[in-house]
């Protein structure tokens, strides 16, 4: 059986990408992302990429880097 894993981005990836916390919160509000849900559960990387906002690529890159380094949540 094949298991599909969805890459998720968390606030730690935002911090690692050196993006400010307040700006991230405003971004979530502007893009229909529930802030507290994001803090608790993260967000699928693809949902971020689908916004087309170039700044999210830095966050996704941090999540990819973490996953390839074998680090967990």
PDB file of N, CA and C in Angstrom:
ATOM      1  N   UNK A   1       0.845  -1.177   0.000  1.00  0.00           N
ATOM      2  CA  UNK A   1       0.000   0.000   0.000  1.00  0.00           C
ATOM      3  C   UNK A   1       0.890   1.241   0.000  1.00  0.00           C
ATOM      4  N   UNK A   2       0.548   2.215  -0.833  1.00  0.00           N
ATOM      5  CA  UNK A   2       1.313   3.446  -0.940  1.00  0.00           C
ATOM      6  C   UNK A   2       0.648   4.537  -0.117  1.00  0.00           C
ATOM      7  N   UNK A   3       1.460   5.230   0.663  1.00  0.00           N
ATOM      8  CA  UNK A   3       0.937   6.303   1.497  1.00  0.00           C
ATOM      9  C   UNK A   3       1.415   7.645   0.943  1.00  0.00           C
ATOM     10  N   UNK A   4       0.481   8.557   0.750  1.00  0.00           N
ATOM     11  CA  UNK A   4       0.824   9.882   0.273  1.00  0.00           C
ATOM     12  C   UNK A   4       0.958  10.809   1.466  1.00  0.00           C
ATOM     13  N   UNK A   5       2.075  11.484   1.546  1.00  0.00           N
ATOM     14  CA  UNK A   5       2.311  12.426   2.630  1.00  0.00           C
ATOM     15  C   UNK A   5       2.225  13.832   2.053  1.00  0.00           C
ATOM     16  N   UNK A   6       1.421  14.652   2.688  1.00  0.00           N
ATOM     17  CA  UNK A   6       1.275  16.033   2.262  1.00  0.00           C
ATOM     18  C   UNK A   6       2.214  16.891   3.096  1.00  0.00           C
ATOM     19  N   UNK A   7       3.076  17.628   2.432  1.00  0.00           N
ATOM     20  CA  UNK A   7       3.990  18.523   3.120  1.00  0.00           C
ATOM     21  C   UNK A   7       3.179  19.658   3.730  1.00  0.00           C
ATOM     22  N   UNK A   8       3.403  19.895   5.010  1.00  0.00           N
ATOM     23  CA  UNK A   8       2.705  20.963   5.714  1.00  0.00           C
ATOM     24  C   UNK A   8       3.707  21.993   6.194  1.00  0.00           C
ATOM     25  N   UNK A   9       3.278  23.222   6.193  1.00  0.00           N
ATOM     26  CA  UNK A   9       4.099  24.319   6.681  1.00  0.00           C
ATOM     27  C   UNK A   9       3.538  24.789   8.015  1.00  0.00           C
ATOM     28  N   UNK A  10       4.443  25.105   8.916  1.00  0.00           N
ATOM     29  CA  UNK A  10       4.082  25.525  10.260  1.00  0.00           C
ATOM     30  C   UNK A  10       4.754  26.858  10.572  1.00  0.00           C
ATOM     31  N   UNK A  11       4.366  27.433  11.700  1.00  0.00           N
ATOM     32  CA  UNK A  11       4.924  28.719  12.093  1.00  0.00           C
ATOM     33  C   UNK A  11       6.446  28.631  12.221  1.00  0.00           C
ATOM     34  N   UNK A  12       6.985  27.481  12.570  1.00  0.00           N
ATOM     35  CA  UNK A  12       8.443  27.346  12.673  1.00  0.00           C
ATOM     36  C   UNK A  12       9.118  27.558  11.315  1.00  0.00           C
ATOM     37  N   UNK A  13       8.407  27.220  10.251  1.00  0.00           N
ATOM     38  CA  UNK A  13       8.963  27.446   8.912  1.00  0.00           C
ATOM     39  C   UNK A  13       8.926  28.926   8.553  1.00  0.00           C
ATOM     40  N   UNK A  14       7.903  29.602   9.015  1.00  0.00           N
ATOM     41  CA  UNK A  14       7.805  31.053   8.814  1.00  0.00           C
ATOM     42  C   UNK A  14       8.977  31.729   9.519  1.00  0.00           C
ATOM     43  N   UNK A  15       9.225  31.316  10.756  1.00  0.00           N
ATOM     44  CA  UNK A  15      10.347  31.888  11.520  1.00  0.00           C
ATOM     45  C   UNK A  15      11.680  31.577  10.850  1.00  0.00           C
ATOM     46  N   UNK A  16      11.850  30.342  10.410  1.00  0.00           N
ATOM     47  CA  UNK A  16      13.103  29.930   9.762  1.00  0.00           C
ATOM     48  C   UNK A  16      13.351  30.722   8.480  1.00  0.00           C
ATOM     49  N   UNK A  17      12.268  31.145   7.828  1.00  0.00           N
ATOM     50  CA  UNK A  17      12.382  31.926   6.597  1.00  0.00           C
ATOM     51  C   UNK A  17      12.573  33.423   6.883  1.00  0.00           C
ATOM     52  N   UNK A  18      12.680  33.756   8.177  1.00  0.00           N
ATOM     53  CA  UNK A  18      12.871  35.153   8.608  1.00  0.00           C
ATOM     54  C   UNK A  18      11.746  36.071   8.156  1.00  0.00           C
ATOM     55  N   UNK A  19      10.529  35.563   8.268  1.00  0.00           N
ATOM     56  CA  UNK A  19       9.338  36.350   7.948  1.00  0.00           C
ATOM     57  C   UNK A  19       8.681  36.735   9.262  1.00  0.00           C
ATOM     58  N   UNK A  20       8.291  37.979   9.374  1.00  0.00           N
ATOM     59  CA  UNK A  20       7.771  38.468  10.652  1.00  0.00           C
ATOM     60  C   UNK A  20       6.414  37.842  10.994  1.00  0.00           C
ATOM     61  N   UNK A  21       6.228  37.657  12.286  1.00  0.00           N
ATOM     62  CA  UNK A  21       5.029  37.034  12.833  1.00  0.00           C
ATOM     63  C   UNK A  21       3.794  37.859  12.516  1.00  0.00           C
ATOM     64  N   UNK A  22       3.858  39.171  12.716  1.00  0.00           N
ATOM     65  CA  UNK A  22       2.703  40.036  12.456  1.00  0.00           C
ATOM     66  C   UNK A  22       2.341  40.036  10.978  1.00  0.00           C
ATOM     67  N   UNK A  23       3.343  40.073  10.129  1.00  0.00           N
ATOM     68  CA  UNK A  23       3.090  40.036   8.691  1.00  0.00           C
ATOM     69  C   UNK A  23       2.453  38.726   8.273  1.00  0.00           C
ATOM     70  N   UNK A  24       2.863  37.660   8.911  1.00  0.00           N
ATOM     71  CA  UNK A  24       2.290  36.339   8.618  1.00  0.00           C
ATOM     72  C   UNK A  24       0.821  36.278   9.017  1.00  0.00           C
ATOM     73  N   UNK A  25       0.542  36.869  10.149  1.00  0.00           N
ATOM     74  CA  UNK A  25      -0.848  36.888  10.623  1.00  0.00           C
ATOM     75  C   UNK A  25      -1.726  37.688   9.660  1.00  0.00           C
ATOM     76  N   UNK A  26      -1.227  38.829   9.220  1.00  0.00           N
ATOM     77  CA  UNK A  26      -1.974  39.658   8.263  1.00  0.00           C
ATOM     78  C   UNK A  26      -2.140  38.911   6.937  1.00  0.00           C
ATOM     79  N   UNK A  27      -1.086  38.208   6.514  1.00  0.00           N
ATOM     80  CA  UNK A  27      -1.151  37.430   5.275  1.00  0.00           C
ATOM     81  C   UNK A  27      -2.247  36.363   5.386  1.00  0.00           C
ATOM     82  N   UNK A  28      -2.287  35.670   6.516  1.00  0.00           N
ATOM     83  CA  UNK A  28      -3.311  34.645   6.714  1.00  0.00           C
ATOM     84  C   UNK A  28      -4.710  35.244   6.615  1.00  0.00           C
ATOM     85  N   UNK A  29      -4.907  36.373   7.272  1.00  0.00           N
ATOM     86  CA  UNK A  29      -6.221  37.019   7.228  1.00  0.00           C
ATOM     87  C   UNK A  29      -6.586  37.404   5.796  1.00  0.00           C
ATOM     88  N   UNK A  30      -5.647  37.938   5.059  1.00  0.00           N
ATOM     89  CA  UNK A  30      -5.910  38.376   3.686  1.00  0.00           C
ATOM     90  C   UNK A  30      -6.156  37.211   2.735  1.00  0.00           C
ATOM     91  N   UNK A  31      -5.668  36.022   3.109  1.00  0.00           N
ATOM     92  CA  UNK A  31      -5.788  34.858   2.228  1.00  0.00           C
ATOM     93  C   UNK A  31      -6.746  33.793   2.747  1.00  0.00           C
ATOM     94  N   UNK A  32      -7.574  34.163   3.719  1.00  0.00           N
ATOM     95  CA  UNK A  32      -8.603  33.255   4.210  1.00  0.00           C
ATOM     96  C   UNK A  32      -8.089  32.068   4.998  1.00  0.00           C
ATOM     97  N   UNK A  33      -6.938  32.239   5.635  1.00  0.00           N
ATOM     98  CA  UNK A  33      -6.367  31.175   6.459  1.00  0.00           C
ATOM     99  C   UNK A  33      -6.614  31.523   7.916  1.00  0.00           C
ATOM    100  N   UNK A  34      -7.263  30.637   8.635  1.00  0.00           N
ATOM    101  CA  UNK A  34      -7.545  30.845  10.052  1.00  0.00           C
ATOM    102  C   UNK A  34      -6.230  30.781  10.831  1.00  0.00           C
ATOM    103  N   UNK A  35      -5.863  31.880  11.468  1.00  0.00           N
ATOM    104  CA  UNK A  35      -4.573  32.011  12.147  1.00  0.00           C
ATOM    105  C   UNK A  35      -4.364  30.932  13.214  1.00  0.00           C
ATOM    106  N   UNK A  36      -5.334  30.753  14.100  1.00  0.00           N
ATOM    107  CA  UNK A  36      -5.147  29.775  15.173  1.00  0.00           C
ATOM    108  C   UNK A  36      -5.073  28.351  14.631  1.00  0.00           C
ATOM    109  N   UNK A  37      -5.793  28.071  13.565  1.00  0.00           N
ATOM    110  CA  UNK A  37      -5.709  26.755  12.932  1.00  0.00           C
ATOM    111  C   UNK A  37      -4.320  26.556  12.335  1.00  0.00           C
ATOM    112  N   UNK A  38      -3.799  27.593  11.701  1.00  0.00           N
ATOM    113  CA  UNK A  38      -2.449  27.520  11.154  1.00  0.00           C
ATOM    114  C   UNK A  38      -1.432  27.254  12.259  1.00  0.00           C
ATOM    115  N   UNK A  39      -1.546  27.977  13.368  1.00  0.00           N
ATOM    116  CA  UNK A  39      -0.611  27.783  14.473  1.00  0.00           C
ATOM    117  C   UNK A  39      -0.685  26.366  15.039  1.00  0.00           C
ATOM    118  N   UNK A  40      -1.877  25.814  15.093  1.00  0.00           N
ATOM    119  CA  UNK A  40      -2.071  24.484  15.671  1.00  0.00           C
ATOM    120  C   UNK A  40      -1.762  23.360  14.693  1.00  0.00           C
ATOM    121  N   UNK A  41      -2.232  23.491  13.468  1.00  0.00           N
ATOM    122  CA  UNK A  41      -2.189  22.372  12.523  1.00  0.00           C
ATOM    123  C   UNK A  41      -1.320  22.594  11.290  1.00  0.00           C
ATOM    124  N   UNK A  42      -0.811  23.792  11.132  1.00  0.00           N
ATOM    125  CA  UNK A  42      -0.065  24.088   9.912  1.00  0.00           C
ATOM    126  C   UNK A  42      -1.008  24.201   8.727  1.00  0.00           C
ATOM    127  N   UNK A  43      -0.407  24.256   7.548  1.00  0.00           N
ATOM    128  CA  UNK A  43      -1.179  24.395   6.318  1.00  0.00           C
ATOM    129  C   UNK A  43      -0.469  23.606   5.225  1.00  0.00           C
ATOM    130  N   UNK A  44      -1.225  22.944   4.364  1.00  0.00           N
ATOM    131  CA  UNK A  44      -0.555  22.233   3.268  1.00  0.00           C
ATOM    132  C   UNK A  44       0.269  23.194   2.416  1.00  0.00           C
ATOM    133  N   UNK A  45       1.479  22.785   2.114  1.00  0.00           N
ATOM    134  CA  UNK A  45       2.364  23.622   1.301  1.00  0.00           C
ATOM    135  C   UNK A  45       1.703  23.980  -0.026  1.00  0.00           C
ATOM    136  N   UNK A  46       0.985  23.057  -0.603  1.00  0.00           N
ATOM    137  CA  UNK A  46       0.348  23.324  -1.900  1.00  0.00           C
ATOM    138  C   UNK A  46      -0.672  24.451  -1.803  1.00  0.00           C
ATOM    139  N   UNK A  47      -1.366  24.535  -0.675  1.00  0.00           N
ATOM    140  CA  UNK A  47      -2.328  25.631  -0.504  1.00  0.00           C
ATOM    141  C   UNK A  47      -1.597  26.971  -0.504  1.00  0.00           C
ATOM    142  N   UNK A  48      -0.434  27.014   0.129  1.00  0.00           N
ATOM    143  CA  UNK A  48       0.354  28.235   0.099  1.00  0.00           C
ATOM    144  C   UNK A  48       0.792  28.559  -1.320  1.00  0.00           C
ATOM    145  N   UNK A  49       1.320  27.564  -2.008  1.00  0.00           N
ATOM    146  CA  UNK A  49       1.805  27.778  -3.370  1.00  0.00           C
ATOM    147  C   UNK A  49       0.693  28.211  -4.312  1.00  0.00           C
ATOM    148  N   UNK A  50      -0.499  27.690  -4.085  1.00  0.00           N
ATOM    149  CA  UNK A  50      -1.640  28.030  -4.940  1.00  0.00           C
ATOM    150  C   UNK A  50      -2.027  29.507  -4.859  1.00  0.00           C
ATOM    151  N   UNK A  51      -1.572  30.204  -3.820  1.00  0.00           N
ATOM    152  CA  UNK A  51      -1.888  31.634  -3.724  1.00  0.00           C
ATOM    153  C   UNK A  51      -1.101  32.437  -4.751  1.00  0.00           C
ATOM    154  N   UNK A  52       0.016  31.881  -5.217  1.00  0.00           N
ATOM    155  CA  UNK A  52       0.844  32.588  -6.181  1.00  0.00           C
ATOM    156  C   UNK A  52       1.700  33.683  -5.558  1.00  0.00           C
ATOM    157  N   UNK A  53       1.651  33.822  -4.264  1.00  0.00           N
ATOM    158  CA  UNK A  53       2.429  34.838  -3.566  1.00  0.00           C
ATOM    159  C   UNK A  53       3.883  34.380  -3.481  1.00  0.00           C
ATOM    160  N   UNK A  54       4.811  35.144  -4.037  1.00  0.00           N
ATOM    161  CA  UNK A  54       6.204  34.697  -4.072  1.00  0.00           C
ATOM    162  C   UNK A  54       6.847  34.517  -2.701  1.00  0.00           C
ATOM    163  N   UNK A  55       6.373  35.218  -1.687  1.00  0.00           N
ATOM    164  CA  UNK A  55       7.002  35.106  -0.367  1.00  0.00           C
ATOM    165  C   UNK A  55       6.786  33.722   0.257  1.00  0.00           C
ATOM    166  N   UNK A  56       5.711  33.049  -0.134  1.00  0.00           N
ATOM    167  CA  UNK A  56       5.454  31.731   0.473  1.00  0.00           C
ATOM    168  C   UNK A  56       6.481  30.695   0.038  1.00  0.00           C
ATOM    169  N   UNK A  57       7.159  30.937  -1.062  1.00  0.00           N
ATOM    170  CA  UNK A  57       8.171  29.982  -1.514  1.00  0.00           C
ATOM    171  C   UNK A  57       9.274  29.808  -0.480  1.00  0.00           C
ATOM    172  N   UNK A  58       9.602  30.882   0.216  1.00  0.00           N
ATOM    173  CA  UNK A  58      10.620  30.791   1.272  1.00  0.00           C
ATOM    174  C   UNK A  58      10.155  29.878   2.394  1.00  0.00           C
ATOM    175  N   UNK A  59       8.890  29.985   2.758  1.00  0.00           N
ATOM    176  CA  UNK A  59       8.331  29.150   3.822  1.00  0.00           C
ATOM    177  C   UNK A  59       8.310  27.689   3.384  1.00  0.00           C
ATOM    178  N   UNK A  60       7.844  27.445   2.177  1.00  0.00           N
ATOM    179  CA  UNK A  60       7.781  26.076   1.654  1.00  0.00           C
ATOM    180  C   UNK A  60       9.188  25.487   1.562  1.00  0.00           C
ATOM    181  N   UNK A  61      10.155  26.283   1.142  1.00  0.00           N
ATOM    182  CA  UNK A  61      11.535  25.795   1.061  1.00  0.00           C
ATOM    183  C   UNK A  61      12.044  25.355   2.429  1.00  0.00           C
ATOM    184  N   UNK A  62      11.682  26.083   3.468  1.00  0.00           N
ATOM    185  CA  UNK A  62      12.085  25.699   4.827  1.00  0.00           C
ATOM    186  C   UNK A  62      11.438  24.374   5.231  1.00  0.00           C
ATOM    187  N   UNK A  63      10.175  24.182   4.858  1.00  0.00           N
ATOM    188  CA  UNK A  63       9.496  22.915   5.167  1.00  0.00           C
ATOM    189  C   UNK A  63      10.142  21.761   4.409  1.00  0.00           C
ATOM    190  N   UNK A  64      10.500  21.996   3.161  1.00  0.00           N
ATOM    191  CA  UNK A  64      11.159  20.964   2.355  1.00  0.00           C
ATOM    192  C   UNK A  64      12.521  20.634   2.967  1.00  0.00           C
ATOM    193  N   UNK A  65      13.246  21.660   3.320  1.00  0.00           N
ATOM    194  CA  UNK A  65      14.569  21.469   3.927  1.00  0.00           C
ATOM    195  C   UNK A  65      14.454  20.631   5.192  1.00  0.00           C
ATOM    196  N   UNK A  66      13.483  20.957   6.033  1.00  0.00           N
ATOM    197  CA  UNK A  66      13.285  20.203   7.267  1.00  0.00           C
ATOM    198  C   UNK A  66      12.945  18.742   6.972  1.00  0.00           C
ATOM    199  N   UNK A  67      12.062  18.526   6.003  1.00  0.00           N
ATOM    200  CA  UNK A  67      11.648  17.151   5.716  1.00  0.00           C
ATOM    201  C   UNK A  67      12.789  16.329   5.125  1.00  0.00           C
ATOM    202  N   UNK A  68      13.656  16.958   4.342  1.00  0.00           N
ATOM    203  CA  UNK A  68      14.774  16.224   3.762  1.00  0.00           C
ATOM    204  C   UNK A  68      15.907  16.024   4.765  1.00  0.00           C
ATOM    205  N   UNK A  69      15.916  16.856   5.816  1.00  0.00           N
ATOM    206  CA  UNK A  69      16.894  16.675   6.888  1.00  0.00           C
ATOM    207  C   UNK A  69      16.455  15.590   7.858  1.00  0.00           C
ATOM    208  N   UNK A  70      15.230  15.086   7.668  1.00  0.00           N
ATOM    209  CA  UNK A  70      14.719  14.021   8.519  1.00  0.00           C
ATOM    210  C   UNK A  70      14.224  14.485   9.863  1.00  0.00           C
ATOM    211  N   UNK A  71      13.996  15.780   9.993  1.00  0.00           N
ATOM    212  CA  UNK A  71      13.481  16.300  11.253  1.00  0.00           C
ATOM    213  C   UNK A  71      11.966  16.217  11.269  1.00  0.00           C
ATOM    214  N   UNK A  72      11.405  15.981  12.421  1.00  0.00           N
ATOM    215  CA  UNK A  72       9.955  15.929  12.573  1.00  0.00           C
ATOM    216  C   UNK A  72       9.423  17.243  13.100  1.00  0.00           C
ATOM    217  N   UNK A  73       8.173  17.206  13.519  1.00  0.00           N
ATOM    218  CA  UNK A  73       7.537  18.410  14.053  1.00  0.00           C
ATOM    219  C   UNK A  73       8.140  18.768  15.330  1.00  0.00           C
TER     220      UNK A  73
END
